Amino acid sequence: MRTPTRILARISLTLLLLVAPAVAAASGGPAQSATGGVHWTIGADVFGAPVVSRDLAFTVAQAAGGAVDGRFTYQQVFDGDTFRFSGRVTCLGVYDGNRAKLGGVIVQSTDPTVPVGTFGWFQVFDLGDGSATTPDRSSLVGFGDESANEAFCASPALPRFGPWDVVGNVQVRG
């Protein structure tokens, strides 16, 4: 016997099955994205003292319409001082299918030379997965104003320093 509750449940399920694919197709998922968690050490021969980059973590997606959503955190030790930054990603560029350039506004900083409101950017290289692949790579984080940040993401140029092999994993899609 069909009760009103069962009829309503079937109608709701049917509508859900018809509407859900249309909603998913409309949203389309991200057009390009980058995620990762990495760390590395640069020897004293480059900057006069070792640079220990710990815990560069990021996740960012850019919709087909251009909207960017993401966050990054970064911790660096240089000459005995530890600096921590976190930012809201405002730009993403994916180049060569495996290289992402991302940047955004700093929302938290323990370095007085990089105040909140400054922009920070970096690029990462996804060189595959598994133990038999070449390690992923990253540049250092650069800092400046909003126009420099946007120009960085929009340019396909390779990093001026590095990139360095990293321990961890980078995933670039797009």
C-alpha atoms as a PDB file:
ATOM      1  CA  MET A   1       0.000   0.000   0.000  1.00  0.00           C
ATOM      2  CA  ARG A   2       1.281   3.406  -0.936  1.00  0.00           C
ATOM      3  CA  THR A   3       1.211   5.860   1.891  1.00  0.00           C
ATOM      4  CA  PRO A   4       1.567   9.596   1.374  1.00  0.00           C
ATOM      5  CA  THR A   5       4.963   9.411   3.081  1.00  0.00           C
ATOM      6  CA  ARG A   6       6.241   6.753   0.654  1.00  0.00           C
ATOM      7  CA  ILE A   7       4.905   8.653  -2.356  1.00  0.00           C
ATOM      8  CA  LEU A   8       6.563  11.861  -1.129  1.00  0.00           C
ATOM      9  CA  ALA A   9       9.830  10.000  -0.507  1.00  0.00           C
ATOM     10  CA  ARG A  10       9.821   8.568  -4.061  1.00  0.00           C
ATOM     11  CA  ILE A  11       9.047  11.948  -5.593  1.00  0.00           C
ATOM     12  CA  SER A  12      11.853  13.559  -3.550  1.00  0.00           C
ATOM     13  CA  LEU A  13      14.330  10.846  -4.556  1.00  0.00           C
ATOM     14  CA  THR A  14      13.370  11.155  -8.230  1.00  0.00           C
ATOM     15  CA  LEU A  15      13.779  14.934  -8.122  1.00  0.00           C
ATOM     16  CA  LEU A  16      17.123  14.584  -6.377  1.00  0.00           C
ATOM     17  CA  LEU A  17      18.371  12.148  -9.025  1.00  0.00           C
ATOM     18  CA  LEU A  18      17.242  14.473 -11.815  1.00  0.00           C
ATOM     19  CA  VAL A  19      18.482  17.728 -10.295  1.00  0.00           C
ATOM     20  CA  ALA A  20      21.806  16.636  -8.739  1.00  0.00           C
ATOM     21  CA  PRO A  21      23.608  15.953 -12.057  1.00  0.00           C
ATOM     22  CA  ALA A  22      22.458  19.306 -13.441  1.00  0.00           C
ATOM     23  CA  VAL A  23      23.739  21.126 -10.361  1.00  0.00           C
ATOM     24  CA  ALA A  24      27.058  19.267 -10.533  1.00  0.00           C
ATOM     25  CA  ALA A  25      27.417  20.035 -14.247  1.00  0.00           C
ATOM     26  CA  ALA A  26      26.589  23.690 -13.653  1.00  0.00           C
ATOM     27  CA  SER A  27      29.206  24.031 -10.923  1.00  0.00           C
ATOM     28  CA  GLY A  28      31.662  22.077 -13.077  1.00  0.00           C
ATOM     29  CA  GLY A  29      34.192  21.692 -10.299  1.00  0.00           C
ATOM     30  CA  PRO A  30      37.463  23.598 -10.402  1.00  0.00           C
ATOM     31  CA  ALA A  31      38.955  24.463 -13.786  1.00  0.00           C
ATOM     32  CA  GLN A  32      42.403  24.271 -12.187  1.00  0.00           C
ATOM     33  CA  SER A  33      43.736  23.564  -8.717  1.00  0.00           C
ATOM     34  CA  ALA A  34      46.846  22.998  -6.625  1.00  0.00           C
ATOM     35  CA  THR A  35      47.288  21.343  -3.244  1.00  0.00           C
ATOM     36  CA  GLY A  36      50.282  20.268  -1.244  1.00  0.00           C
ATOM     37  CA  GLY A  37      52.261  20.014   1.916  1.00  0.00           C
ATOM     38  CA  VAL A  38      56.055  20.207   1.564  1.00  0.00           C
ATOM     39  CA  HIS A  39      59.288  21.180   3.298  1.00  0.00           C
ATOM     40  CA  TRP A  40      62.939  21.556   2.275  1.00  0.00           C
ATOM     41  CA  THR A  41      66.331  22.957   3.304  1.00  0.00           C
ATOM     42  CA  ILE A  42      68.497  25.276   1.213  1.00  0.00           C
ATOM     43  CA  GLY A  43      72.205  25.080   2.038  1.00  0.00           C
ATOM     44  CA  ALA A  44      74.230  27.941   3.488  1.00  0.00           C
ATOM     45  CA  ASP A  45      76.013  28.364   0.141  1.00  0.00           C
ATOM     46  CA  VAL A  46      72.956  30.170  -1.313  1.00  0.00           C
ATOM     47  CA  PHE A  47      72.042  32.778   1.339  1.00  0.00           C
ATOM     48  CA  GLY A  48      74.965  32.626   3.787  1.00  0.00           C
ATOM     49  CA  ALA A  49      73.030  30.521   6.310  1.00  0.00           C
ATOM     50  CA  PRO A  50      70.754  27.510   5.852  1.00  0.00           C
ATOM     51  CA  VAL A  51      67.109  28.282   5.043  1.00  0.00           C
ATOM     52  CA  VAL A  52      64.821  25.640   6.485  1.00  0.00           C
ATOM     53  CA  SER A  53      61.408  25.866   4.885  1.00  0.00           C
ATOM     54  CA  ARG A  54      58.976  23.897   6.979  1.00  0.00           C
ATOM     55  CA  ASP A  55      55.386  23.167   6.362  1.00  0.00           C
ATOM     56  CA  LEU A  56      54.492  25.041   3.202  1.00  0.00           C
ATOM     57  CA  ALA A  57      50.882  23.903   2.945  1.00  0.00           C
ATOM     58  CA  PHE A  58      48.360  25.143   0.399  1.00  0.00           C
ATOM     59  CA  THR A  59      45.073  24.379  -1.258  1.00  0.00           C
ATOM     60  CA  VAL A  60      43.569  26.489  -4.022  1.00  0.00           C
ATOM     61  CA  ALA A  61      40.973  26.037  -6.732  1.00  0.00           C
ATOM     62  CA  GLN A  62      39.943  28.302  -9.572  1.00  0.00           C
ATOM     63  CA  ALA A  63      36.486  27.960 -11.088  1.00  0.00           C
ATOM     64  CA  ALA A  64      35.934  28.106 -14.835  1.00  0.00           C
ATOM     65  CA  GLY A  65      34.588  31.636 -14.376  1.00  0.00           C
ATOM     66  CA  GLY A  66      37.873  32.754 -12.796  1.00  0.00           C
ATOM     67  CA  ALA A  67      36.950  32.919  -9.095  1.00  0.00           C
ATOM     68  CA  VAL A  68      39.823  31.731  -6.879  1.00  0.00           C
ATOM     69  CA  ASP A  69      39.422  30.216  -3.423  1.00  0.00           C
ATOM     70  CA  GLY A  70      42.274  28.948  -1.284  1.00  0.00           C
ATOM     71  CA  ARG A  71      44.677  29.285   1.635  1.00  0.00           C
ATOM     72  CA  PHE A  72      48.384  28.803   2.303  1.00  0.00           C
ATOM     73  CA  THR A  73      50.590  28.605   5.386  1.00  0.00           C
ATOM     74  CA  TYR A  74      54.359  28.805   5.505  1.00  0.00           C
ATOM     75  CA  GLN A  75      57.007  28.488   8.192  1.00  0.00           C
ATOM     76  CA  GLN A  76      60.659  29.351   7.597  1.00  0.00           C
ATOM     77  CA  VAL A  77      63.726  29.195   9.840  1.00  0.00           C
ATOM     78  CA  PHE A  78      66.664  31.423   8.903  1.00  0.00           C
ATOM     79  CA  ASP A  79      69.692  32.197  11.053  1.00  0.00           C
ATOM     80  CA  GLY A  80      67.917  30.945  14.200  1.00  0.00           C
ATOM     81  CA  ASP A  81      64.719  32.956  13.686  1.00  0.00           C
ATOM     82  CA  THR A  82      61.379  31.285  12.892  1.00  0.00           C
ATOM     83  CA  PHE A  83      58.779  33.119  10.836  1.00  0.00           C
ATOM     84  CA  ARG A  84      55.196  32.014  10.170  1.00  0.00           C
ATOM     85  CA  PHE A  85      52.827  33.370   7.551  1.00  0.00           C
ATOM     86  CA  SER A  86      49.357  32.480   6.394  1.00  0.00           C
ATOM     87  CA  GLY A  87      47.456  33.885   3.477  1.00  0.00           C
ATOM     88  CA  ARG A  88      44.237  33.902   1.488  1.00  0.00           C
ATOM     89  CA  VAL A  89      44.943  32.957  -2.139  1.00  0.00           C
ATOM     90  CA  THR A  90      43.840  35.567  -4.684  1.00  0.00           C
ATOM     91  CA  CYS A  91      45.469  34.259  -7.874  1.00  0.00           C
ATOM     92  CA  LEU A  92      46.410  30.974  -9.507  1.00  0.00           C
ATOM     93  CA  GLY A  93      48.143  30.232 -12.783  1.00  0.00           C
ATOM     94  CA  VAL A  94      48.774  26.693 -14.048  1.00  0.00           C
ATOM     95  CA  TYR A  95      51.487  26.253 -16.682  1.00  0.00           C
ATOM     96  CA  ASP A  96      52.835  23.253 -18.584  1.00  0.00           C
ATOM     97  CA  GLY A  97      50.179  21.046 -16.950  1.00  0.00           C
ATOM     98  CA  ASN A  98      52.223  20.473 -13.801  1.00  0.00           C
ATOM     99  CA  ARG A  99      53.383  23.875 -12.522  1.00  0.00           C
ATOM    100  CA  ALA A 100      51.259  26.192 -10.392  1.00  0.00           C
ATOM    101  CA  LYS A 101      51.961  29.805  -9.482  1.00  0.00           C
ATOM    102  CA  LEU A 102      49.837  31.056  -6.618  1.00  0.00           C
ATOM    103  CA  GLY A 103      49.751  34.068  -4.391  1.00  0.00           C
ATOM    104  CA  GLY A 104      47.579  36.025  -2.050  1.00  0.00           C
ATOM    105  CA  VAL A 105      47.221  38.464   0.768  1.00  0.00           C
ATOM    106  CA  ILE A 106      48.973  37.747   4.090  1.00  0.00           C
ATOM    107  CA  VAL A 107      46.380  37.494   6.865  1.00  0.00           C
ATOM    108  CA  GLN A 108      48.762  36.437   9.667  1.00  0.00           C
ATOM    109  CA  SER A 109      52.505  37.022  10.091  1.00  0.00           C
ATOM    110  CA  THR A 110      55.103  36.744  12.851  1.00  0.00           C
ATOM    111  CA  ASP A 111      57.693  38.639  10.795  1.00  0.00           C
ATOM    112  CA  PRO A 112      57.601  42.413  11.402  1.00  0.00           C
ATOM    113  CA  THR A 113      59.055  42.993   7.918  1.00  0.00           C
ATOM    114  CA  VAL A 114      56.053  41.217   6.337  1.00  0.00           C
ATOM    115  CA  PRO A 115      52.964  42.827   7.877  1.00  0.00           C
ATOM    116  CA  VAL A 116      49.399  41.660   7.422  1.00  0.00           C
ATOM    117  CA  GLY A 117      48.125  43.039   4.113  1.00  0.00           C
ATOM    118  CA  THR A 118      51.378  42.309   2.253  1.00  0.00           C
ATOM    119  CA  PHE A 119      51.095  39.839  -0.613  1.00  0.00           C
ATOM    120  CA  GLY A 120      53.079  36.583  -0.857  1.00  0.00           C
ATOM    121  CA  TRP A 121      53.552  34.205  -3.796  1.00  0.00           C
ATOM    122  CA  PHE A 122      55.390  31.054  -4.842  1.00  0.00           C
ATOM    123  CA  GLN A 123      55.342  28.326  -7.461  1.00  0.00           C
ATOM    124  CA  VAL A 124      55.323  24.558  -7.167  1.00  0.00           C
ATOM    125  CA  PHE A 125      56.070  21.728  -9.575  1.00  0.00           C
ATOM    126  CA  ASP A 126      54.123  18.446  -9.531  1.00  0.00           C
ATOM    127  CA  LEU A 127      56.603  15.889 -10.873  1.00  0.00           C
ATOM    128  CA  GLY A 128      54.511  12.768 -10.299  1.00  0.00           C
ATOM    129  CA  ASP A 129      53.543  10.413  -7.510  1.00  0.00           C
ATOM    130  CA  GLY A 130      55.245   7.436  -5.957  1.00  0.00           C
ATOM    131  CA  SER A 131      58.699   6.565  -4.728  1.00  0.00           C
ATOM    132  CA  ALA A 132      60.140   6.073  -8.226  1.00  0.00           C
ATOM    133  CA  THR A 133      59.414   9.632  -9.405  1.00  0.00           C
ATOM    134  CA  THR A 134      61.523  12.770  -9.249  1.00  0.00           C
ATOM    135  CA  PRO A 135      60.776  14.827  -6.104  1.00  0.00           C
ATOM    136  CA  ASP A 136      58.271  17.654  -6.455  1.00  0.00           C
ATOM    137  CA  ARG A 137      59.774  21.154  -6.340  1.00  0.00           C
ATOM    138  CA  SER A 138      59.017  24.615  -4.952  1.00  0.00           C
ATOM    139  CA  SER A 139      60.342  28.138  -5.124  1.00  0.00           C
ATOM    140  CA  LEU A 140      60.730  30.347  -2.087  1.00  0.00           C
ATOM    141  CA  VAL A 141      57.883  32.644  -1.079  1.00  0.00           C
ATOM    142  CA  GLY A 142      58.263  36.177  -2.422  1.00  0.00           C
ATOM    143  CA  PHE A 143      56.605  39.246  -0.915  1.00  0.00           C
ATOM    144  CA  GLY A 144      55.340  42.545  -2.277  1.00  0.00           C
ATOM    145  CA  ASP A 145      52.201  44.410  -3.251  1.00  0.00           C
ATOM    146  CA  GLU A 146      48.989  43.310  -4.962  1.00  0.00           C
ATOM    147  CA  SER A 147      50.067  44.279  -8.477  1.00  0.00           C
ATOM    148  CA  ALA A 148      53.316  42.269  -8.167  1.00  0.00           C
ATOM    149  CA  ASN A 149      51.293  39.320  -6.868  1.00  0.00           C
ATOM    150  CA  GLU A 150      48.882  39.389  -9.813  1.00  0.00           C
ATOM    151  CA  ALA A 151      51.742  39.842 -12.314  1.00  0.00           C
ATOM    152  CA  PHE A 152      53.538  36.847 -10.795  1.00  0.00           C
ATOM    153  CA  CYS A 153      50.537  34.533 -11.230  1.00  0.00           C
ATOM    154  CA  ALA A 154      49.874  35.795 -14.764  1.00  0.00           C
ATOM    155  CA  SER A 155      53.449  35.227 -15.977  1.00  0.00           C
ATOM    156  CA  PRO A 156      54.646  31.818 -17.200  1.00  0.00           C
ATOM    157  CA  ALA A 157      58.241  32.694 -16.155  1.00  0.00           C
ATOM    158  CA  LEU A 158      60.208  30.128 -14.173  1.00  0.00           C
ATOM    159  CA  PRO A 159      61.492  31.018 -10.680  1.00  0.00           C
ATOM    160  CA  ARG A 160      64.505  33.305 -10.368  1.00  0.00           C
ATOM    161  CA  PHE A 161      65.788  31.303  -7.366  1.00  0.00           C
ATOM    162  CA  GLY A 162      65.467  27.530  -7.206  1.00  0.00           C
ATOM    163  CA  PRO A 163      63.247  25.684  -7.456  1.00  0.00           C
ATOM    164  CA  TRP A 164      64.348  23.198  -4.852  1.00  0.00           C
ATOM    165  CA  ASP A 165      63.483  19.530  -4.436  1.00  0.00           C
ATOM    166  CA  VAL A 166      60.977  19.115  -1.614  1.00  0.00           C
ATOM    167  CA  VAL A 167      59.896  16.400   0.769  1.00  0.00           C
ATOM    168  CA  GLY A 168      56.144  15.996   0.598  1.00  0.00           C
ATOM    169  CA  ASN A 169      53.623  16.052  -2.185  1.00  0.00           C
ATOM    170  CA  VAL A 170      52.303  18.601  -4.677  1.00  0.00           C
ATOM    171  CA  GLN A 171      49.220  18.041  -6.844  1.00  0.00           C
ATOM    172  CA  VAL A 172      48.528  20.390  -9.759  1.00  0.00           C
ATOM    173  CA  ARG A 173      45.433  20.030 -11.976  1.00  0.00           C
ATOM    174  CA  GLY A 174      44.409  22.083 -14.924  1.00  0.00           C
END
